[in-house]
Amino acid sequence: MPTRTTNSDLRPCPPKPDLADRPLISTAQADGLEELFKVLANGTRLRLMHAIVRAGELCVIELADAVAMKPQAVSNQLRRLVDRGILEGRRDGNNVYYRLVDPCVASLLDRGQCLLEDAQAREHAPR
């Protein structure tokens, strides 16, 4: 039976200086962030990453089942995330298992969910 990674295998995002304490981002850094956010700004890829964060590691078939898509379509989306160094795959027989390799992405997903939930709560709060 293959050894699978779990959420506990994912280290937290490494500590960084507070954003307010960093120098203003350069044009090149802003362009890099824009490209990164373009890759992340896709509902399917966000769902795939969340499924992987929840399970630790999943193969294409499991991911396809999780998001109700065809395996080939899932593979195409995974390739974008692998190319950016966000995910990594390992082969086990006929299956490729994907895991998150950048712990900051899990933090970003968590913060995004927090922002969404807070905005929804404010929207429904009595005035």
N, C-alpha and C. Protein backbone atom coordinates (compact mmCIF):
# COMPACT_ATOMS: atom_id res chain seq x y z
N MET A 1 0.85 -1.18 0.00
CA MET A 1 0.00 0.00 0.00
C MET A 1 0.89 1.25 0.00
N PRO A 2 0.61 2.24 -0.88
CA PRO A 2 1.46 3.42 -0.96
C PRO A 2 1.34 4.29 0.29
N THR A 3 2.43 4.97 0.58
CA THR A 3 2.41 5.93 1.67
C THR A 3 1.86 7.23 1.13
N ARG A 4 0.83 7.74 1.79
CA ARG A 4 0.21 8.98 1.34
C ARG A 4 0.51 10.08 2.33
N THR A 5 0.65 11.29 1.81
CA THR A 5 0.87 12.42 2.70
C THR A 5 -0.46 12.86 3.29
N THR A 6 -0.37 13.55 4.40
CA THR A 6 -1.57 14.08 5.05
C THR A 6 -1.38 15.56 5.30
N ASN A 7 -2.44 16.21 5.78
CA ASN A 7 -2.35 17.62 6.10
C ASN A 7 -1.24 17.90 7.10
N SER A 8 -1.01 16.97 8.03
CA SER A 8 0.01 17.21 9.04
C SER A 8 1.42 17.20 8.44
N ASP A 9 1.58 16.66 7.22
CA ASP A 9 2.88 16.67 6.54
C ASP A 9 3.20 18.04 5.95
N LEU A 10 2.19 18.88 5.80
CA LEU A 10 2.37 20.19 5.20
C LEU A 10 2.81 21.18 6.28
N ARG A 11 3.99 21.70 6.11
CA ARG A 11 4.50 22.67 7.07
C ARG A 11 3.77 24.00 6.88
N PRO A 12 3.68 24.81 7.95
CA PRO A 12 3.03 26.11 7.79
C PRO A 12 3.86 27.03 6.90
N CYS A 13 3.23 28.04 6.41
CA CYS A 13 3.93 29.04 5.60
C CYS A 13 5.09 29.60 6.43
N PRO A 14 6.29 29.64 5.88
CA PRO A 14 7.44 30.16 6.65
C PRO A 14 7.19 31.59 7.12
N PRO A 15 7.69 31.95 8.30
CA PRO A 15 7.47 33.32 8.79
C PRO A 15 8.12 34.34 7.88
N LYS A 16 7.42 35.41 7.69
CA LYS A 16 7.90 36.52 6.85
C LYS A 16 7.65 37.81 7.62
N PRO A 17 8.35 38.89 7.25
CA PRO A 17 8.06 40.18 7.87
C PRO A 17 6.61 40.58 7.58
N ASP A 18 6.02 41.35 8.46
CA ASP A 18 4.68 41.86 8.21
C ASP A 18 4.65 42.63 6.89
N LEU A 19 3.56 42.53 6.20
CA LEU A 19 3.43 43.20 4.91
C LEU A 19 3.67 44.70 5.04
N ALA A 20 3.18 45.31 6.10
CA ALA A 20 3.35 46.74 6.30
C ALA A 20 4.82 47.12 6.52
N ASP A 21 5.64 46.16 6.95
CA ASP A 21 7.06 46.43 7.20
C ASP A 21 7.94 46.18 5.98
N ARG A 22 7.38 45.66 4.92
CA ARG A 22 8.15 45.38 3.71
C ARG A 22 8.19 46.61 2.82
N PRO A 23 9.23 46.71 1.99
CA PRO A 23 9.25 47.82 1.02
C PRO A 23 8.11 47.64 0.01
N LEU A 24 7.68 48.75 -0.57
CA LEU A 24 6.65 48.70 -1.61
C LEU A 24 7.11 47.74 -2.70
N ILE A 25 6.19 46.88 -3.15
CA ILE A 25 6.58 45.91 -4.17
C ILE A 25 6.96 46.62 -5.46
N SER A 26 7.93 46.03 -6.13
CA SER A 26 8.39 46.59 -7.40
C SER A 26 7.41 46.24 -8.51
N THR A 27 7.59 46.87 -9.64
CA THR A 27 6.76 46.55 -10.80
C THR A 27 6.92 45.08 -11.19
N ALA A 28 8.14 44.58 -11.16
CA ALA A 28 8.38 43.17 -11.51
C ALA A 28 7.68 42.24 -10.51
N GLN A 29 7.74 42.58 -9.23
CA GLN A 29 7.06 41.75 -8.22
C GLN A 29 5.55 41.80 -8.43
N ALA A 30 5.02 42.98 -8.73
CA ALA A 30 3.58 43.12 -8.98
C ALA A 30 3.17 42.29 -10.19
N ASP A 31 4.00 42.31 -11.23
CA ASP A 31 3.71 41.51 -12.42
C ASP A 31 3.73 40.02 -12.08
N GLY A 32 4.69 39.60 -11.26
CA GLY A 32 4.76 38.20 -10.84
C GLY A 32 3.54 37.79 -10.03
N LEU A 33 3.10 38.66 -9.13
CA LEU A 33 1.88 38.38 -8.35
C LEU A 33 0.66 38.30 -9.25
N GLU A 34 0.61 39.20 -10.23
CA GLU A 34 -0.51 39.17 -11.16
C GLU A 34 -0.58 37.83 -11.89
N GLU A 35 0.55 37.35 -12.36
CA GLU A 35 0.59 36.05 -13.05
C GLU A 35 0.20 34.91 -12.11
N LEU A 36 0.70 34.96 -10.89
CA LEU A 36 0.34 33.93 -9.90
C LEU A 36 -1.15 33.95 -9.62
N PHE A 37 -1.71 35.14 -9.41
CA PHE A 37 -3.14 35.25 -9.12
C PHE A 37 -3.98 34.80 -10.31
N LYS A 38 -3.49 34.99 -11.53
CA LYS A 38 -4.21 34.50 -12.70
C LYS A 38 -4.32 32.98 -12.66
N VAL A 39 -3.26 32.31 -12.26
CA VAL A 39 -3.29 30.85 -12.16
C VAL A 39 -4.25 30.43 -11.03
N LEU A 40 -4.20 31.15 -9.93
CA LEU A 40 -5.05 30.79 -8.79
C LEU A 40 -6.50 31.20 -8.99
N ALA A 41 -6.75 32.20 -9.82
CA ALA A 41 -8.10 32.73 -9.99
C ALA A 41 -8.93 31.89 -10.96
N ASN A 42 -9.09 30.65 -10.61
CA ASN A 42 -9.86 29.71 -11.42
C ASN A 42 -10.60 28.80 -10.46
N GLY A 43 -11.92 28.79 -10.55
CA GLY A 43 -12.73 28.02 -9.62
C GLY A 43 -12.37 26.54 -9.57
N THR A 44 -12.11 25.95 -10.71
CA THR A 44 -11.76 24.53 -10.74
C THR A 44 -10.44 24.29 -10.01
N ARG A 45 -9.44 25.11 -10.32
CA ARG A 45 -8.14 24.92 -9.66
C ARG A 45 -8.24 25.16 -8.17
N LEU A 46 -9.03 26.14 -7.75
CA LEU A 46 -9.22 26.38 -6.31
C LEU A 46 -9.86 25.17 -5.64
N ARG A 47 -10.85 24.59 -6.29
CA ARG A 47 -11.50 23.40 -5.72
C ARG A 47 -10.54 22.21 -5.66
N LEU A 48 -9.73 22.05 -6.70
CA LEU A 48 -8.75 20.96 -6.71
C LEU A 48 -7.74 21.13 -5.58
N MET A 49 -7.24 22.36 -5.42
CA MET A 49 -6.27 22.60 -4.35
C MET A 49 -6.90 22.38 -2.98
N HIS A 50 -8.15 22.81 -2.80
CA HIS A 50 -8.80 22.61 -1.51
C HIS A 50 -8.99 21.12 -1.24
N ALA A 51 -9.38 20.36 -2.24
CA ALA A 51 -9.52 18.91 -2.06
C ALA A 51 -8.20 18.28 -1.65
N ILE A 52 -7.12 18.74 -2.25
CA ILE A 52 -5.79 18.21 -1.91
C ILE A 52 -5.40 18.62 -0.50
N VAL A 53 -5.65 19.86 -0.13
CA VAL A 53 -5.34 20.30 1.24
C VAL A 53 -6.11 19.45 2.24
N ARG A 54 -7.38 19.18 1.95
CA ARG A 54 -8.21 18.39 2.88
C ARG A 54 -7.70 16.96 3.03
N ALA A 55 -7.25 16.36 1.92
CA ALA A 55 -6.85 14.95 1.94
C ALA A 55 -5.35 14.76 2.13
N GLY A 56 -4.57 15.76 1.82
CA GLY A 56 -3.12 15.63 1.88
C GLY A 56 -2.54 15.25 0.53
N GLU A 57 -3.16 14.31 -0.13
CA GLU A 57 -2.67 13.82 -1.42
C GLU A 57 -3.81 13.07 -2.10
N LEU A 58 -3.98 13.31 -3.40
CA LEU A 58 -5.03 12.62 -4.16
C LEU A 58 -4.53 12.31 -5.56
N CYS A 59 -5.04 11.23 -6.13
CA CYS A 59 -4.73 10.92 -7.52
C CYS A 59 -5.75 11.59 -8.44
N VAL A 60 -5.48 11.60 -9.71
CA VAL A 60 -6.32 12.28 -10.69
C VAL A 60 -7.76 11.76 -10.63
N ILE A 61 -7.93 10.45 -10.53
CA ILE A 61 -9.27 9.88 -10.49
C ILE A 61 -10.03 10.37 -9.27
N GLU A 62 -9.37 10.40 -8.11
CA GLU A 62 -10.01 10.88 -6.89
C GLU A 62 -10.37 12.36 -7.01
N LEU A 63 -9.48 13.13 -7.61
CA LEU A 63 -9.75 14.55 -7.81
C LEU A 63 -10.90 14.75 -8.79
N ALA A 64 -10.91 13.98 -9.85
CA ALA A 64 -11.99 14.08 -10.83
C ALA A 64 -13.34 13.78 -10.17
N ASP A 65 -13.38 12.76 -9.33
CA ASP A 65 -14.61 12.44 -8.60
C ASP A 65 -14.99 13.58 -7.66
N ALA A 66 -14.01 14.16 -6.99
CA ALA A 66 -14.28 15.21 -6.01
C ALA A 66 -14.91 16.45 -6.65
N VAL A 67 -14.48 16.78 -7.87
CA VAL A 67 -14.99 17.99 -8.52
C VAL A 67 -15.93 17.69 -9.69
N ALA A 68 -16.31 16.43 -9.84
CA ALA A 68 -17.25 16.00 -10.88
C ALA A 68 -16.81 16.45 -12.28
N MET A 69 -15.58 16.10 -12.61
CA MET A 69 -15.03 16.42 -13.92
C MET A 69 -14.37 15.17 -14.51
N LYS A 70 -14.08 15.22 -15.79
CA LYS A 70 -13.36 14.11 -16.42
C LYS A 70 -11.89 14.18 -16.03
N PRO A 71 -11.26 13.01 -15.86
CA PRO A 71 -9.84 13.00 -15.47
C PRO A 71 -8.93 13.81 -16.38
N GLN A 72 -9.17 13.80 -17.69
CA GLN A 72 -8.32 14.57 -18.61
C GLN A 72 -8.44 16.06 -18.34
N ALA A 73 -9.65 16.53 -18.07
CA ALA A 73 -9.84 17.95 -17.77
C ALA A 73 -9.14 18.31 -16.46
N VAL A 74 -9.21 17.42 -15.47
CA VAL A 74 -8.52 17.65 -14.19
C VAL A 74 -7.01 17.68 -14.42
N SER A 75 -6.50 16.75 -15.21
CA SER A 75 -5.06 16.72 -15.50
C SER A 75 -4.58 18.02 -16.12
N ASN A 76 -5.40 18.58 -17.02
CA ASN A 76 -5.03 19.85 -17.65
C ASN A 76 -4.92 20.97 -16.62
N GLN A 77 -5.84 21.00 -15.68
CA GLN A 77 -5.80 22.03 -14.63
C GLN A 77 -4.63 21.80 -13.68
N LEU A 78 -4.36 20.55 -13.34
CA LEU A 78 -3.26 20.22 -12.44
C LEU A 78 -1.92 20.64 -13.05
N ARG A 79 -1.79 20.49 -14.36
CA ARG A 79 -0.55 20.84 -15.04
C ARG A 79 -0.20 22.30 -14.79
N ARG A 80 -1.19 23.19 -14.83
CA ARG A 80 -0.94 24.62 -14.57
C ARG A 80 -0.38 24.83 -13.17
N LEU A 81 -0.92 24.09 -12.19
CA LEU A 81 -0.48 24.22 -10.80
C LEU A 81 0.90 23.60 -10.59
N VAL A 82 1.17 22.51 -11.28
CA VAL A 82 2.50 21.89 -11.21
C VAL A 82 3.54 22.81 -11.84
N ASP A 83 3.20 23.39 -12.99
CA ASP A 83 4.13 24.28 -13.68
C ASP A 83 4.51 25.49 -12.83
N ARG A 84 3.61 25.94 -11.95
CA ARG A 84 3.90 27.08 -11.07
C ARG A 84 4.59 26.65 -9.77
N GLY A 85 4.81 25.34 -9.59
CA GLY A 85 5.47 24.86 -8.39
C GLY A 85 4.57 24.83 -7.16
N ILE A 86 3.27 24.86 -7.39
CA ILE A 86 2.31 24.82 -6.29
C ILE A 86 2.02 23.39 -5.88
N LEU A 87 1.90 22.52 -6.87
CA LEU A 87 1.66 21.09 -6.64
C LEU A 87 2.84 20.29 -7.16
N GLU A 88 2.92 19.08 -6.64
CA GLU A 88 3.92 18.12 -7.11
C GLU A 88 3.23 16.77 -7.23
N GLY A 89 3.58 16.03 -8.25
CA GLY A 89 3.01 14.71 -8.44
C GLY A 89 4.05 13.62 -8.21
N ARG A 90 3.57 12.47 -7.75
CA ARG A 90 4.45 11.30 -7.65
C ARG A 90 3.69 10.11 -8.23
N ARG A 91 4.41 9.33 -9.01
CA ARG A 91 3.81 8.18 -9.66
C ARG A 91 3.85 6.98 -8.74
N ASP A 92 2.73 6.27 -8.70
CA ASP A 92 2.62 5.00 -7.99
C ASP A 92 1.86 4.05 -8.91
N GLY A 93 2.59 3.24 -9.64
CA GLY A 93 1.96 2.37 -10.64
C GLY A 93 1.37 3.22 -11.75
N ASN A 94 0.09 3.04 -12.02
CA ASN A 94 -0.59 3.80 -13.07
C ASN A 94 -1.11 5.14 -12.59
N ASN A 95 -1.06 5.39 -11.30
CA ASN A 95 -1.63 6.61 -10.74
C ASN A 95 -0.54 7.64 -10.44
N VAL A 96 -0.92 8.90 -10.60
CA VAL A 96 -0.09 10.01 -10.16
C VAL A 96 -0.83 10.67 -9.02
N TYR A 97 -0.18 10.77 -7.88
CA TYR A 97 -0.75 11.40 -6.69
C TYR A 97 -0.20 12.81 -6.58
N TYR A 98 -1.09 13.76 -6.35
CA TYR A 98 -0.70 15.16 -6.26
C TYR A 98 -0.80 15.64 -4.82
N ARG A 99 0.17 16.48 -4.46
CA ARG A 99 0.17 17.09 -3.13
C ARG A 99 0.61 18.53 -3.27
N LEU A 100 0.22 19.32 -2.31
CA LEU A 100 0.61 20.72 -2.26
C LEU A 100 2.04 20.81 -1.76
N VAL A 101 2.89 21.53 -2.45
CA VAL A 101 4.28 21.66 -2.00
C VAL A 101 4.57 23.06 -1.47
N ASP A 102 3.69 24.00 -1.73
CA ASP A 102 3.89 25.35 -1.23
C ASP A 102 2.89 25.60 -0.11
N PRO A 103 3.36 25.58 1.15
CA PRO A 103 2.44 25.74 2.27
C PRO A 103 1.76 27.10 2.30
N CYS A 104 2.34 28.09 1.66
CA CYS A 104 1.71 29.41 1.64
C CYS A 104 0.38 29.37 0.88
N VAL A 105 0.24 28.45 -0.05
CA VAL A 105 -1.01 28.35 -0.81
C VAL A 105 -2.15 27.92 0.10
N ALA A 106 -1.89 26.98 1.01
CA ALA A 106 -2.93 26.57 1.95
C ALA A 106 -3.34 27.75 2.82
N SER A 107 -2.38 28.55 3.25
CA SER A 107 -2.68 29.75 4.04
C SER A 107 -3.50 30.73 3.22
N LEU A 108 -3.15 30.88 1.95
CA LEU A 108 -3.88 31.80 1.07
C LEU A 108 -5.32 31.33 0.87
N LEU A 109 -5.51 30.04 0.66
CA LEU A 109 -6.87 29.50 0.53
C LEU A 109 -7.67 29.74 1.80
N ASP A 110 -7.03 29.53 2.95
CA ASP A 110 -7.69 29.74 4.23
C ASP A 110 -8.08 31.21 4.39
N ARG A 111 -7.16 32.11 4.06
CA ARG A 111 -7.46 33.55 4.17
C ARG A 111 -8.57 33.95 3.20
N GLY A 112 -8.54 33.39 2.01
CA GLY A 112 -9.59 33.68 1.04
C GLY A 112 -10.95 33.25 1.53
N GLN A 113 -11.02 32.05 2.12
CA GLN A 113 -12.28 31.56 2.69
C GLN A 113 -12.74 32.49 3.82
N CYS A 114 -11.79 32.91 4.64
CA CYS A 114 -12.10 33.82 5.74
C CYS A 114 -12.68 35.13 5.21
N LEU A 115 -12.04 35.71 4.18
CA LEU A 115 -12.54 36.94 3.59
C LEU A 115 -13.95 36.76 3.04
N LEU A 116 -14.18 35.66 2.36
CA LEU A 116 -15.49 35.38 1.78
C LEU A 116 -16.55 35.23 2.86
N GLU A 117 -16.24 34.45 3.88
CA GLU A 117 -17.20 34.23 4.98
C GLU A 117 -17.48 35.52 5.73
N ASP A 118 -16.45 36.33 5.98
CA ASP A 118 -16.64 37.61 6.67
C ASP A 118 -17.51 38.55 5.85
N ALA A 119 -17.27 38.60 4.54
CA ALA A 119 -18.07 39.46 3.67
C ALA A 119 -19.52 39.01 3.66
N GLN A 120 -19.75 37.71 3.63
CA GLN A 120 -21.13 37.20 3.65
C GLN A 120 -21.80 37.52 4.97
N ALA A 121 -21.06 37.41 6.07
CA ALA A 121 -21.62 37.72 7.39
C ALA A 121 -21.99 39.20 7.47
N ARG A 122 -21.14 40.08 6.96
CA ARG A 122 -21.44 41.52 6.97
C ARG A 122 -22.65 41.82 6.11
N GLU A 123 -22.77 41.12 4.99
CA GLU A 123 -23.89 41.33 4.07
C GLU A 123 -25.21 40.97 4.72
N HIS A 124 -25.20 39.97 5.59
CA HIS A 124 -26.44 39.50 6.22
C HIS A 124 -26.64 40.03 7.64
N ALA A 125 -25.71 40.85 8.10
CA ALA A 125 -25.82 41.39 9.45
C ALA A 125 -26.89 42.47 9.48
N PRO A 126 -27.65 42.53 10.59
CA PRO A 126 -28.64 43.60 10.70
C PRO A 126 -27.96 44.98 10.76
N ARG A 127 -28.61 45.95 10.20
CA ARG A 127 -28.02 47.30 10.16
C ARG A 127 -28.74 48.22 11.09
